[in-house]
Amino acid sequence: MAETFDFPRDLVSAQLELNSVRSELSALYKRLPWSVEPLPGWTHTKDGGRYFESKRPDSPGWTDEEKRQVNDLRARQMELVNHIFVHDFWASCADPVTARSALKHVPAPDAAPPRDG
């Protein structure tokens, strides 16, 4: 049976927000052009002496707003990581490695419990 921990509310809240910020940042990266700065695309083929084929369209670069969004999310992510990393709970925990792994998988309060079967 998995060990349970009595995590402080602020620690759980920080972890859940960190999960959300990481998800939002990942979704943002998927929507953005492949290059921050405008760059021409390319097509490389094996016939051209390449080990594998690759292709990229021209990148218009990121807008100032997109750069701001990424910077804000990354800054918030670092704040949350720092809050979690230095939390006093870890000093009072007998098995901080197992506890940290468990914290990463704490479900959101509105999440449905997993079904058996």
Protein backbone atom coordinates (compact mmCIF):
# COMPACT_ATOMS: atom_id res chain seq x y z
CA MET A 1 0.00 0.00 0.00
CA ALA A 2 1.23 3.49 -0.80
CA GLU A 3 2.38 5.62 2.07
CA THR A 4 0.25 8.68 2.82
CA PHE A 5 1.55 11.99 4.05
CA ASP A 6 -0.11 14.86 5.85
CA PHE A 7 1.10 17.64 3.56
CA PRO A 8 0.57 21.25 4.63
CA ARG A 9 -2.15 22.99 2.64
CA ASP A 10 0.22 25.63 1.20
CA LEU A 11 2.56 22.90 -0.06
CA VAL A 12 -0.26 21.05 -1.81
CA SER A 13 -1.58 24.33 -3.26
CA ALA A 14 1.87 25.22 -4.57
CA GLN A 15 2.26 21.79 -6.19
CA LEU A 16 -1.16 21.96 -7.83
CA GLU A 17 -0.45 25.45 -9.14
CA LEU A 18 2.95 24.27 -10.38
CA ASN A 19 1.23 21.45 -12.29
CA SER A 20 -1.14 23.99 -13.81
CA VAL A 21 1.62 26.44 -14.74
CA ARG A 22 3.67 23.67 -16.35
CA SER A 23 0.66 22.53 -18.34
CA GLU A 24 -0.11 26.07 -19.46
CA LEU A 25 3.52 26.68 -20.43
CA SER A 26 3.65 23.43 -22.39
CA ALA A 27 0.46 24.32 -24.28
CA LEU A 28 1.85 27.79 -25.02
CA TYR A 29 5.11 26.36 -26.40
CA LYS A 30 3.11 24.09 -28.72
CA ARG A 31 1.24 27.10 -30.15
CA LEU A 32 4.31 29.29 -30.64
CA PRO A 33 6.54 29.38 -33.72
CA TRP A 34 9.61 27.16 -33.47
CA SER A 35 12.01 30.11 -33.16
CA VAL A 36 11.87 33.07 -30.80
CA GLU A 37 13.46 35.29 -33.45
CA PRO A 38 12.38 35.40 -37.11
CA LEU A 39 14.37 32.78 -39.04
CA PRO A 40 14.07 31.15 -42.44
CA GLY A 41 12.89 27.58 -42.63
CA TRP A 42 14.74 24.64 -44.19
CA THR A 43 14.41 21.22 -45.71
CA HIS A 44 17.18 18.66 -45.22
CA THR A 45 17.09 15.33 -47.02
CA LYS A 46 19.13 12.17 -46.72
CA ASP A 47 20.13 12.72 -50.34
CA GLY A 48 21.82 15.93 -49.22
CA GLY A 49 24.15 13.97 -46.93
CA ARG A 50 22.00 14.29 -43.79
CA TYR A 51 21.52 11.37 -41.40
CA PHE A 52 17.79 12.03 -41.21
CA GLU A 53 15.30 14.25 -42.97
CA SER A 54 14.05 17.40 -41.29
CA LYS A 55 11.91 20.30 -42.31
CA ARG A 56 10.90 23.59 -40.69
CA PRO A 57 8.73 26.34 -42.11
CA ASP A 58 9.79 29.98 -41.89
CA SER A 59 9.41 31.28 -38.35
CA PRO A 60 7.93 34.73 -37.88
CA GLY A 61 9.37 34.76 -34.34
CA TRP A 62 7.49 35.46 -31.16
CA THR A 63 5.60 38.66 -30.51
CA ASP A 64 6.44 40.80 -27.50
CA GLU A 65 3.22 39.58 -25.87
CA GLU A 66 4.18 35.93 -26.43
CA LYS A 67 7.63 36.56 -24.97
CA ARG A 68 6.03 38.23 -21.95
CA GLN A 69 3.65 35.30 -21.44
CA VAL A 70 6.52 32.79 -21.54
CA ASN A 71 8.65 34.89 -19.19
CA ASP A 72 5.77 35.34 -16.72
CA LEU A 73 4.95 31.63 -16.67
CA ARG A 74 8.60 30.63 -16.31
CA ALA A 75 9.09 33.13 -13.48
CA ARG A 76 5.99 31.82 -11.68
CA GLN A 77 7.18 28.25 -12.21
CA MET A 78 10.52 29.08 -10.57
CA GLU A 79 8.80 30.80 -7.63
CA LEU A 80 6.66 27.72 -7.03
CA VAL A 81 9.58 25.30 -7.38
CA ASN A 82 11.54 27.36 -4.87
CA HIS A 83 8.61 27.47 -2.43
CA ILE A 84 8.20 23.69 -2.64
CA PHE A 85 11.92 22.94 -2.48
CA VAL A 86 12.68 24.94 0.67
CA HIS A 87 9.42 24.21 2.53
CA ASP A 88 9.82 23.40 6.23
CA PHE A 89 7.79 20.21 5.82
CA TRP A 90 10.78 18.38 4.31
CA ALA A 91 12.86 18.84 7.46
CA SER A 92 10.17 17.15 9.58
CA CYS A 93 9.59 14.29 7.16
CA ALA A 94 11.18 10.89 7.83
CA ASP A 95 11.27 9.97 4.11
CA PRO A 96 11.43 13.17 2.05
CA VAL A 97 12.19 11.38 -1.23
CA THR A 98 9.05 9.24 -1.05
CA ALA A 99 7.05 12.21 0.22
CA ARG A 100 8.20 14.39 -2.68
CA SER A 101 7.16 11.72 -5.15
CA ALA A 102 3.77 11.44 -3.44
CA LEU A 103 3.29 15.22 -3.50
CA LYS A 104 3.83 15.27 -7.27
CA HIS A 105 0.85 12.93 -7.64
CA VAL A 106 -1.59 14.51 -5.21
CA PRO A 107 -4.86 14.88 -7.12
CA ALA A 108 -6.63 18.20 -7.39
CA PRO A 109 -9.51 18.51 -4.89
CA ASP A 110 -12.09 18.46 -7.71
CA ALA A 111 -10.50 15.48 -9.50
CA ALA A 112 -12.53 12.31 -9.67
CA PRO A 113 -11.01 9.34 -7.81
CA PRO A 114 -9.61 6.57 -10.02
CA ARG A 115 -12.00 3.75 -10.78
CA ASP A 116 -11.22 0.19 -9.75
CA GLY A 117 -11.21 -2.52 -12.32
